[in-house]
Protein backbone atom coordinates (compact mmCIF):
# COMPACT_ATOMS: atom_id res chain seq x y z
CA MET A 1 67.50 -162.65 72.62
CA THR A 2 66.83 -158.95 72.17
CA HIS A 3 68.71 -156.52 74.36
CA ARG A 4 67.71 -153.06 75.37
CA PHE A 5 70.43 -150.51 76.02
CA ALA A 6 71.07 -148.26 78.98
CA VAL A 7 73.44 -145.42 79.82
CA PHE A 8 75.41 -145.90 83.02
CA ALA A 9 77.42 -143.29 84.92
CA ILE A 10 80.43 -144.92 86.60
CA ARG A 11 82.75 -143.57 89.28
CA GLY A 12 84.91 -146.07 91.16
CA ARG A 13 82.63 -148.94 92.17
CA GLU A 14 79.49 -146.82 92.00
CA GLU A 15 77.17 -147.21 88.99
CA ILE A 16 74.06 -145.18 88.27
CA LEU A 17 71.45 -146.02 85.64
CA CYS A 18 71.07 -142.63 83.95
CA GLY A 19 67.52 -141.40 83.62
CA ASN A 20 66.17 -144.62 85.14
CA CYS A 21 65.42 -145.67 81.57
CA THR A 22 66.40 -148.20 78.87
CA TYR A 23 66.37 -147.72 75.10
CA ALA A 24 65.38 -150.02 72.23
CA SER A 25 68.59 -149.37 70.27
CA ARG A 26 72.15 -148.20 70.84
CA GLU A 27 71.46 -145.24 68.53
CA GLU A 28 68.57 -144.12 70.73
CA ALA A 29 70.83 -144.30 73.81
CA GLU A 30 73.56 -142.34 71.99
CA HIS A 31 71.00 -139.64 71.23
CA LYS A 32 70.49 -139.09 75.00
CA LEU A 33 74.21 -139.27 75.78
CA GLY A 34 74.78 -135.51 75.36
CA LEU A 35 72.30 -134.66 78.09
CA PHE A 36 73.76 -137.23 80.48
CA LYS A 37 77.29 -135.91 79.81
CA LEU A 38 76.17 -132.48 81.02
CA LEU A 39 74.70 -133.96 84.19
CA PHE A 40 77.30 -136.56 85.16
CA GLU A 41 80.74 -135.81 83.67
CA VAL A 42 81.03 -132.57 85.65
CA ARG A 43 80.66 -134.70 88.80
CA GLY A 44 83.53 -137.00 87.80
CA TYR A 45 81.56 -139.89 86.31
CA ARG A 46 82.41 -141.60 83.03
CA LEU A 47 79.53 -142.73 80.84
CA GLU A 48 79.03 -146.10 79.21
CA ILE A 49 76.30 -147.50 76.97
CA ARG A 50 75.77 -151.23 77.35
CA PRO A 51 73.10 -153.92 76.96
CA PHE A 52 70.64 -154.11 79.83
């Protein structure tokens, strides 16, 4: 089974799929992580990359 990876922004019980997008590899998701940090960490979310 092949997984795709996604970046999630998490705050409490709320989860948001960042960019409404999945990535073919963890490395590709990590490449986008910097942008999502700028958008979500200032609002109090923590970011997590996980299989989708």
